[in-house]
């Protein structure tokens, strides 16, 4: 599904599952999940507000049990009531929701499958950024990745990873992949600026290549659920071009 413009409403939101307790939706790149104090742009939750029972829920972030960065696309769970919200929050804290992402990164990785277990904290100099750190107060963060494909690109090499996010720290995947010197392609905060400029010029991509493609969990009724999301058109087009090289 392609999202155009800056105004979003519930009729445009791709809801791939919905019952009385929760929804699973596909968030496009370029839209924030919930409002912030520094922006008045339209958000995903504003398009879904009519479907949520606001009683006893956070008025600014109703039903939000996890989030995706503005420029990351993919699957999100939205709780529709307080009981469901508490259930999913508890599930996330217990790490009983399996989350997978596709990430295209710079370079070819020496280890084709590995665990990155490095605490993350906020950058003291740039408060909107995060860093891997061993300092007191840094939060435990665990990311598992496996190489899916490797490519020669116009500006070097790149690898497509299947990333299993074990914890949910802010910018975790992007920070961890930067820390091992394989930043996400087109990440304008943690990425390689020169590589990104050349990549964008060659393949026309203008946002980070990161997509939350799978969620696996037991829902409030005890049913095992697996939800998948295809790569959006802009990311899929890049892979099609890379496979030609």
C-alpha atoms as a PDB file:
ATOM      1  CA  UNK A   1       0.000   0.000   0.000  1.00  0.00           C
ATOM      2  CA  UNK A   2       1.360   3.423  -0.982  1.00  0.00           C
ATOM      3  CA  UNK A   3       0.650   6.444   1.199  1.00  0.00           C
ATOM      4  CA  UNK A   4       0.773   9.850  -0.454  1.00  0.00           C
ATOM      5  CA  UNK A   5       0.604  13.383   0.888  1.00  0.00           C
ATOM      6  CA  UNK A   6       0.581  14.400   4.531  1.00  0.00           C
ATOM      7  CA  UNK A   7      -3.022  13.850   5.612  1.00  0.00           C
ATOM      8  CA  UNK A   8      -4.018  10.362   6.752  1.00  0.00           C
ATOM      9  CA  UNK A   9      -7.374   9.021   7.837  1.00  0.00           C
ATOM     10  CA  UNK A  10      -8.735   5.675   8.939  1.00  0.00           C
ATOM     11  CA  UNK A  11     -10.119   4.870   5.483  1.00  0.00           C
ATOM     12  CA  UNK A  12      -6.540   4.903   4.134  1.00  0.00           C
ATOM     13  CA  UNK A  13      -5.025   2.786   6.899  1.00  0.00           C
ATOM     14  CA  UNK A  14      -4.307  -0.806   5.983  1.00  0.00           C
ATOM     15  CA  UNK A  15      -5.757  -2.815   8.861  1.00  0.00           C
ATOM     16  CA  UNK A  16      -4.719  -6.412   8.294  1.00  0.00           C
ATOM     17  CA  UNK A  17      -6.524  -7.786  11.364  1.00  0.00           C
ATOM     18  CA  UNK A  18      -9.135  -6.445  13.751  1.00  0.00           C
ATOM     19  CA  UNK A  19     -11.379  -7.795  16.504  1.00  0.00           C
ATOM     20  CA  UNK A  20     -12.975  -6.284  19.616  1.00  0.00           C
ATOM     21  CA  UNK A  21      -9.671  -6.195  21.508  1.00  0.00           C
ATOM     22  CA  UNK A  22      -6.925  -5.131  19.125  1.00  0.00           C
ATOM     23  CA  UNK A  23      -5.843  -4.316  15.582  1.00  0.00           C
ATOM     24  CA  UNK A  24      -2.734  -5.132  13.593  1.00  0.00           C
ATOM     25  CA  UNK A  25      -1.998  -2.387  11.072  1.00  0.00           C
ATOM     26  CA  UNK A  26       0.658  -1.581   8.493  1.00  0.00           C
ATOM     27  CA  UNK A  27       2.378   1.726   9.216  1.00  0.00           C
ATOM     28  CA  UNK A  28       3.908   3.391   6.169  1.00  0.00           C
ATOM     29  CA  UNK A  29       7.188   5.244   6.236  1.00  0.00           C
ATOM     30  CA  UNK A  30       6.921   8.989   6.743  1.00  0.00           C
ATOM     31  CA  UNK A  31       4.198   9.092   9.378  1.00  0.00           C
ATOM     32  CA  UNK A  32       4.656   9.157  13.153  1.00  0.00           C
ATOM     33  CA  UNK A  33       2.752   6.698  15.334  1.00  0.00           C
ATOM     34  CA  UNK A  34       1.506   9.306  17.815  1.00  0.00           C
ATOM     35  CA  UNK A  35       1.606  13.105  18.295  1.00  0.00           C
ATOM     36  CA  UNK A  36       4.622  14.861  19.756  1.00  0.00           C
ATOM     37  CA  UNK A  37       5.117  18.197  21.474  1.00  0.00           C
ATOM     38  CA  UNK A  38       7.372  19.423  18.666  1.00  0.00           C
ATOM     39  CA  UNK A  39       5.150  18.655  15.670  1.00  0.00           C
ATOM     40  CA  UNK A  40       1.549  19.203  14.579  1.00  0.00           C
ATOM     41  CA  UNK A  41       1.664  16.713  11.682  1.00  0.00           C
ATOM     42  CA  UNK A  42      -1.014  14.069  11.213  1.00  0.00           C
ATOM     43  CA  UNK A  43      -0.269  10.753  12.922  1.00  0.00           C
ATOM     44  CA  UNK A  44      -1.249   7.128  12.587  1.00  0.00           C
ATOM     45  CA  UNK A  45      -3.226   7.032  15.831  1.00  0.00           C
ATOM     46  CA  UNK A  46      -5.377   9.974  14.720  1.00  0.00           C
ATOM     47  CA  UNK A  47      -6.627   7.858  11.851  1.00  0.00           C
ATOM     48  CA  UNK A  48      -7.581   5.031  14.195  1.00  0.00           C
ATOM     49  CA  UNK A  49      -9.001   6.962  17.145  1.00  0.00           C
ATOM     50  CA  UNK A  50     -12.640   6.225  16.324  1.00  0.00           C
ATOM     51  CA  UNK A  51     -11.975   2.502  16.706  1.00  0.00           C
ATOM     52  CA  UNK A  52     -10.463   2.742  20.194  1.00  0.00           C
ATOM     53  CA  UNK A  53     -12.257   2.807  23.548  1.00  0.00           C
ATOM     54  CA  UNK A  54     -10.570   5.821  25.126  1.00  0.00           C
ATOM     55  CA  UNK A  55     -11.772   5.076  28.657  1.00  0.00           C
ATOM     56  CA  UNK A  56      -8.788   4.623  31.013  1.00  0.00           C
ATOM     57  CA  UNK A  57      -6.268   4.882  28.145  1.00  0.00           C
ATOM     58  CA  UNK A  58      -3.571   7.525  27.653  1.00  0.00           C
ATOM     59  CA  UNK A  59      -5.304  10.389  25.878  1.00  0.00           C
ATOM     60  CA  UNK A  60      -2.253  11.232  23.731  1.00  0.00           C
ATOM     61  CA  UNK A  61      -1.121   7.682  22.900  1.00  0.00           C
ATOM     62  CA  UNK A  62      -4.269   5.573  23.243  1.00  0.00           C
ATOM     63  CA  UNK A  63      -3.723   1.883  22.523  1.00  0.00           C
ATOM     64  CA  UNK A  64      -0.030   2.281  21.676  1.00  0.00           C
ATOM     65  CA  UNK A  65       1.832  -0.698  23.141  1.00  0.00           C
ATOM     66  CA  UNK A  66       4.925  -0.401  20.925  1.00  0.00           C
ATOM     67  CA  UNK A  67       6.097   1.912  18.178  1.00  0.00           C
ATOM     68  CA  UNK A  68       8.073   2.249  14.975  1.00  0.00           C
ATOM     69  CA  UNK A  69      10.302   5.155  13.997  1.00  0.00           C
ATOM     70  CA  UNK A  70       8.708   7.674  11.656  1.00  0.00           C
ATOM     71  CA  UNK A  71      10.746   6.476   8.668  1.00  0.00           C
ATOM     72  CA  UNK A  72      10.334   2.759   9.414  1.00  0.00           C
ATOM     73  CA  UNK A  73       7.404   0.914   7.867  1.00  0.00           C
ATOM     74  CA  UNK A  74       5.633  -2.238   8.969  1.00  0.00           C
ATOM     75  CA  UNK A  75       3.399  -3.971  11.466  1.00  0.00           C
ATOM     76  CA  UNK A  76       2.016  -2.463  14.664  1.00  0.00           C
ATOM     77  CA  UNK A  77      -0.351  -3.773  17.329  1.00  0.00           C
ATOM     78  CA  UNK A  78      -2.945  -1.245  18.519  1.00  0.00           C
ATOM     79  CA  UNK A  79      -4.953  -2.144  21.637  1.00  0.00           C
ATOM     80  CA  UNK A  80      -8.605  -1.130  21.488  1.00  0.00           C
ATOM     81  CA  UNK A  81      -9.379  -1.179  25.222  1.00  0.00           C
ATOM     82  CA  UNK A  82      -7.659  -1.068  28.616  1.00  0.00           C
ATOM     83  CA  UNK A  83      -7.727  -4.817  29.242  1.00  0.00           C
ATOM     84  CA  UNK A  84      -6.128  -5.521  25.869  1.00  0.00           C
ATOM     85  CA  UNK A  85      -3.610  -2.722  26.391  1.00  0.00           C
ATOM     86  CA  UNK A  86      -2.461  -4.127  29.727  1.00  0.00           C
ATOM     87  CA  UNK A  87      -2.238  -7.606  28.220  1.00  0.00           C
ATOM     88  CA  UNK A  88       0.035  -6.553  25.360  1.00  0.00           C
ATOM     89  CA  UNK A  89       2.208  -4.333  27.553  1.00  0.00           C
ATOM     90  CA  UNK A  90       2.790  -7.320  29.834  1.00  0.00           C
ATOM     91  CA  UNK A  91       3.518  -9.528  26.810  1.00  0.00           C
ATOM     92  CA  UNK A  92       6.134  -7.099  25.500  1.00  0.00           C
ATOM     93  CA  UNK A  93       7.788  -6.778  28.901  1.00  0.00           C
ATOM     94  CA  UNK A  94       7.986 -10.583  29.144  1.00  0.00           C
ATOM     95  CA  UNK A  95       9.506 -10.686  25.614  1.00  0.00           C
ATOM     96  CA  UNK A  96       6.748 -12.995  24.420  1.00  0.00           C
ATOM     97  CA  UNK A  97       6.109 -11.137  21.171  1.00  0.00           C
ATOM     98  CA  UNK A  98       8.408 -12.153  18.323  1.00  0.00           C
ATOM     99  CA  UNK A  99       9.303  -9.213  16.067  1.00  0.00           C
ATOM    100  CA  UNK A 100      11.158  -9.501  12.760  1.00  0.00           C
ATOM    101  CA  UNK A 101      12.419  -6.766  10.445  1.00  0.00           C
ATOM    102  CA  UNK A 102      14.088  -6.608   7.057  1.00  0.00           C
ATOM    103  CA  UNK A 103      17.077  -4.269   7.084  1.00  0.00           C
ATOM    104  CA  UNK A 104      19.382  -3.470   4.194  1.00  0.00           C
ATOM    105  CA  UNK A 105      22.798  -2.524   5.543  1.00  0.00           C
ATOM    106  CA  UNK A 106      26.094  -1.292   4.161  1.00  0.00           C
ATOM    107  CA  UNK A 107      28.731  -3.926   3.460  1.00  0.00           C
ATOM    108  CA  UNK A 108      29.089  -7.695   3.762  1.00  0.00           C
ATOM    109  CA  UNK A 109      29.004  -9.098   7.273  1.00  0.00           C
ATOM    110  CA  UNK A 110      31.699 -11.463   8.473  1.00  0.00           C
ATOM    111  CA  UNK A 111      29.292 -13.309  10.749  1.00  0.00           C
ATOM    112  CA  UNK A 112      26.214 -14.421   8.801  1.00  0.00           C
ATOM    113  CA  UNK A 113      24.185 -14.971  11.956  1.00  0.00           C
ATOM    114  CA  UNK A 114      24.894 -13.330  15.303  1.00  0.00           C
ATOM    115  CA  UNK A 115      23.545 -11.803  18.497  1.00  0.00           C
ATOM    116  CA  UNK A 116      24.285  -8.172  19.349  1.00  0.00           C
ATOM    117  CA  UNK A 117      23.974  -7.824  23.119  1.00  0.00           C
ATOM    118  CA  UNK A 118      24.955  -4.238  23.938  1.00  0.00           C
ATOM    119  CA  UNK A 119      23.243  -1.786  26.320  1.00  0.00           C
ATOM    120  CA  UNK A 120      21.863   1.439  24.878  1.00  0.00           C
ATOM    121  CA  UNK A 121      21.526   4.887  26.400  1.00  0.00           C
ATOM    122  CA  UNK A 122      20.710   8.391  25.206  1.00  0.00           C
ATOM    123  CA  UNK A 123      23.548  10.400  23.692  1.00  0.00           C
ATOM    124  CA  UNK A 124      24.518  13.107  26.180  1.00  0.00           C
ATOM    125  CA  UNK A 125      25.459  15.569  23.431  1.00  0.00           C
ATOM    126  CA  UNK A 126      22.587  14.896  21.018  1.00  0.00           C
ATOM    127  CA  UNK A 127      19.415  14.118  22.958  1.00  0.00           C
ATOM    128  CA  UNK A 128      17.539  12.799  19.928  1.00  0.00           C
ATOM    129  CA  UNK A 129      20.176  10.107  19.363  1.00  0.00           C
ATOM    130  CA  UNK A 130      21.035   6.882  21.165  1.00  0.00           C
ATOM    131  CA  UNK A 131      24.382   5.154  21.710  1.00  0.00           C
ATOM    132  CA  UNK A 132      25.750   1.780  22.683  1.00  0.00           C
ATOM    133  CA  UNK A 133      27.174   2.327  26.160  1.00  0.00           C
ATOM    134  CA  UNK A 134      28.444   0.491  29.232  1.00  0.00           C
ATOM    135  CA  UNK A 135      27.586   3.420  31.496  1.00  0.00           C
ATOM    136  CA  UNK A 136      25.360   3.161  34.535  1.00  0.00           C
ATOM    137  CA  UNK A 137      21.752   3.594  33.487  1.00  0.00           C
ATOM    138  CA  UNK A 138      22.173   2.111  30.003  1.00  0.00           C
ATOM    139  CA  UNK A 139      19.345  -0.315  29.216  1.00  0.00           C
ATOM    140  CA  UNK A 140      19.876  -3.923  28.177  1.00  0.00           C
ATOM    141  CA  UNK A 141      19.348  -4.377  24.428  1.00  0.00           C
ATOM    142  CA  UNK A 142      19.522  -7.601  22.414  1.00  0.00           C
ATOM    143  CA  UNK A 143      19.273  -7.910  18.629  1.00  0.00           C
ATOM    144  CA  UNK A 144      19.608 -11.120  16.606  1.00  0.00           C
ATOM    145  CA  UNK A 145      20.319 -10.953  12.883  1.00  0.00           C
ATOM    146  CA  UNK A 146      20.769 -13.380   9.992  1.00  0.00           C
ATOM    147  CA  UNK A 147      22.009 -12.521   6.510  1.00  0.00           C
ATOM    148  CA  UNK A 148      19.378 -13.204   3.836  1.00  0.00           C
ATOM    149  CA  UNK A 149      21.162 -11.918   0.712  1.00  0.00           C
ATOM    150  CA  UNK A 150      24.311 -10.050  -0.300  1.00  0.00           C
ATOM    151  CA  UNK A 151      24.584  -7.575  -3.168  1.00  0.00           C
ATOM    152  CA  UNK A 152      27.097  -5.620  -5.167  1.00  0.00           C
ATOM    153  CA  UNK A 153      25.834  -2.056  -5.409  1.00  0.00           C
ATOM    154  CA  UNK A 154      27.009   0.983  -7.327  1.00  0.00           C
ATOM    155  CA  UNK A 155      28.746   2.342  -4.228  1.00  0.00           C
ATOM    156  CA  UNK A 156      30.149  -0.893  -2.792  1.00  0.00           C
ATOM    157  CA  UNK A 157      28.285  -3.811  -1.211  1.00  0.00           C
ATOM    158  CA  UNK A 158      25.123  -4.279   0.822  1.00  0.00           C
ATOM    159  CA  UNK A 159      23.420  -7.072   2.748  1.00  0.00           C
ATOM    160  CA  UNK A 160      19.768  -7.799   3.461  1.00  0.00           C
ATOM    161  CA  UNK A 161      19.242  -8.939   7.050  1.00  0.00           C
ATOM    162  CA  UNK A 162      16.407 -10.635   8.873  1.00  0.00           C
ATOM    163  CA  UNK A 163      16.504  -8.941  12.274  1.00  0.00           C
ATOM    164  CA  UNK A 164      14.812 -10.439  15.334  1.00  0.00           C
ATOM    165  CA  UNK A 165      14.337  -7.733  17.933  1.00  0.00           C
ATOM    166  CA  UNK A 166      14.504  -9.258  21.407  1.00  0.00           C
ATOM    167  CA  UNK A 167      14.138  -5.955  23.286  1.00  0.00           C
ATOM    168  CA  UNK A 168      12.501  -2.709  22.231  1.00  0.00           C
ATOM    169  CA  UNK A 169      14.838   0.190  22.910  1.00  0.00           C
ATOM    170  CA  UNK A 170      14.602   3.466  21.009  1.00  0.00           C
ATOM    171  CA  UNK A 171      16.394   3.191  17.635  1.00  0.00           C
ATOM    172  CA  UNK A 172      17.737  -0.214  18.746  1.00  0.00           C
ATOM    173  CA  UNK A 173      18.249  -1.871  15.360  1.00  0.00           C
ATOM    174  CA  UNK A 174      19.782   1.237  13.840  1.00  0.00           C
ATOM    175  CA  UNK A 175      22.128   1.802  16.799  1.00  0.00           C
ATOM    176  CA  UNK A 176      23.221  -1.825  17.048  1.00  0.00           C
ATOM    177  CA  UNK A 177      23.921  -2.149  13.324  1.00  0.00           C
ATOM    178  CA  UNK A 178      25.897   1.083  13.349  1.00  0.00           C
ATOM    179  CA  UNK A 179      27.893  -0.274  16.308  1.00  0.00           C
ATOM    180  CA  UNK A 180      29.071  -3.267  14.238  1.00  0.00           C
ATOM    181  CA  UNK A 181      29.939  -0.914  11.337  1.00  0.00           C
ATOM    182  CA  UNK A 182      27.062  -2.012   9.105  1.00  0.00           C
ATOM    183  CA  UNK A 183      24.574   0.876   9.355  1.00  0.00           C
ATOM    184  CA  UNK A 184      21.127   0.697   7.798  1.00  0.00           C
ATOM    185  CA  UNK A 185      21.107   1.991   4.238  1.00  0.00           C
ATOM    186  CA  UNK A 186      19.660   5.516   3.987  1.00  0.00           C
ATOM    187  CA  UNK A 187      19.576   6.052   7.750  1.00  0.00           C
ATOM    188  CA  UNK A 188      20.117   9.805   7.937  1.00  0.00           C
ATOM    189  CA  UNK A 189      21.014   9.765  11.651  1.00  0.00           C
ATOM    190  CA  UNK A 190      23.248   6.741  12.178  1.00  0.00           C
ATOM    191  CA  UNK A 191      24.162   5.921   8.584  1.00  0.00           C
ATOM    192  CA  UNK A 192      27.100   6.522   6.260  1.00  0.00           C
ATOM    193  CA  UNK A 193      26.404   9.871   4.592  1.00  0.00           C
ATOM    194  CA  UNK A 194      28.580   9.385   1.496  1.00  0.00           C
ATOM    195  CA  UNK A 195      27.314   5.841   0.939  1.00  0.00           C
ATOM    196  CA  UNK A 196      23.709   6.989   1.342  1.00  0.00           C
ATOM    197  CA  UNK A 197      24.093   9.863  -1.095  1.00  0.00           C
ATOM    198  CA  UNK A 198      25.514   7.544  -3.756  1.00  0.00           C
ATOM    199  CA  UNK A 199      22.906   4.879  -3.052  1.00  0.00           C
ATOM    200  CA  UNK A 200      20.017   7.341  -3.301  1.00  0.00           C
ATOM    201  CA  UNK A 201      21.362   8.726  -6.563  1.00  0.00           C
ATOM    202  CA  UNK A 202      21.634   5.241  -8.052  1.00  0.00           C
ATOM    203  CA  UNK A 203      18.422   3.642  -6.758  1.00  0.00           C
ATOM    204  CA  UNK A 204      16.116   6.529  -5.878  1.00  0.00           C
ATOM    205  CA  UNK A 205      15.523   5.505  -2.270  1.00  0.00           C
ATOM    206  CA  UNK A 206      14.863   8.424   0.076  1.00  0.00           C
ATOM    207  CA  UNK A 207      14.256   6.733   3.429  1.00  0.00           C
ATOM    208  CA  UNK A 208      15.896   4.123   5.627  1.00  0.00           C
ATOM    209  CA  UNK A 209      15.573   0.525   4.453  1.00  0.00           C
ATOM    210  CA  UNK A 210      13.891  -0.915   7.545  1.00  0.00           C
ATOM    211  CA  UNK A 211      10.560  -2.750   7.538  1.00  0.00           C
ATOM    212  CA  UNK A 212       8.810  -4.611  10.381  1.00  0.00           C
ATOM    213  CA  UNK A 213       7.555  -7.587   8.404  1.00  0.00           C
ATOM    214  CA  UNK A 214       6.448 -10.146  11.012  1.00  0.00           C
ATOM    215  CA  UNK A 215       4.763 -10.361  14.423  1.00  0.00           C
ATOM    216  CA  UNK A 216       4.148 -13.583  16.340  1.00  0.00           C
ATOM    217  CA  UNK A 217       2.325 -13.831  19.663  1.00  0.00           C
ATOM    218  CA  UNK A 218      -0.597 -15.300  21.615  1.00  0.00           C
ATOM    219  CA  UNK A 219      -3.561 -12.943  21.665  1.00  0.00           C
ATOM    220  CA  UNK A 220      -5.759 -12.188  24.715  1.00  0.00           C
ATOM    221  CA  UNK A 221      -7.922 -15.222  23.883  1.00  0.00           C
ATOM    222  CA  UNK A 222      -4.887 -17.519  23.886  1.00  0.00           C
ATOM    223  CA  UNK A 223      -4.807 -17.946  20.099  1.00  0.00           C
ATOM    224  CA  UNK A 224      -1.403 -18.210  18.413  1.00  0.00           C
ATOM    225  CA  UNK A 225      -1.110 -15.467  15.792  1.00  0.00           C
ATOM    226  CA  UNK A 226       1.405 -14.756  13.044  1.00  0.00           C
ATOM    227  CA  UNK A 227       1.091 -11.623  10.914  1.00  0.00           C
ATOM    228  CA  UNK A 228       3.257 -10.766   7.911  1.00  0.00           C
ATOM    229  CA  UNK A 229       3.675  -7.654   5.807  1.00  0.00           C
ATOM    230  CA  UNK A 230       5.173  -7.537   2.307  1.00  0.00           C
ATOM    231  CA  UNK A 231       7.932  -5.069   1.573  1.00  0.00           C
ATOM    232  CA  UNK A 232       6.497  -1.704   0.508  1.00  0.00           C
ATOM    233  CA  UNK A 233       6.880  -0.821  -3.152  1.00  0.00           C
ATOM    234  CA  UNK A 234       9.804   1.575  -2.658  1.00  0.00           C
ATOM    235  CA  UNK A 235      11.906  -1.020  -0.804  1.00  0.00           C
ATOM    236  CA  UNK A 236      10.925  -3.899  -3.051  1.00  0.00           C
ATOM    237  CA  UNK A 237      11.870  -1.880  -6.145  1.00  0.00           C
ATOM    238  CA  UNK A 238      15.374  -1.417  -4.705  1.00  0.00           C
ATOM    239  CA  UNK A 239      15.836  -5.159  -4.218  1.00  0.00           C
ATOM    240  CA  UNK A 240      14.607  -5.842  -7.751  1.00  0.00           C
ATOM    241  CA  UNK A 241      17.266  -3.477  -9.073  1.00  0.00           C
ATOM    242  CA  UNK A 242      20.007  -4.965  -6.890  1.00  0.00           C
ATOM    243  CA  UNK A 243      19.231  -8.477  -8.085  1.00  0.00           C
ATOM    244  CA  UNK A 244      19.957  -7.361 -11.638  1.00  0.00           C
ATOM    245  CA  UNK A 245      23.575  -6.495 -10.805  1.00  0.00           C
END
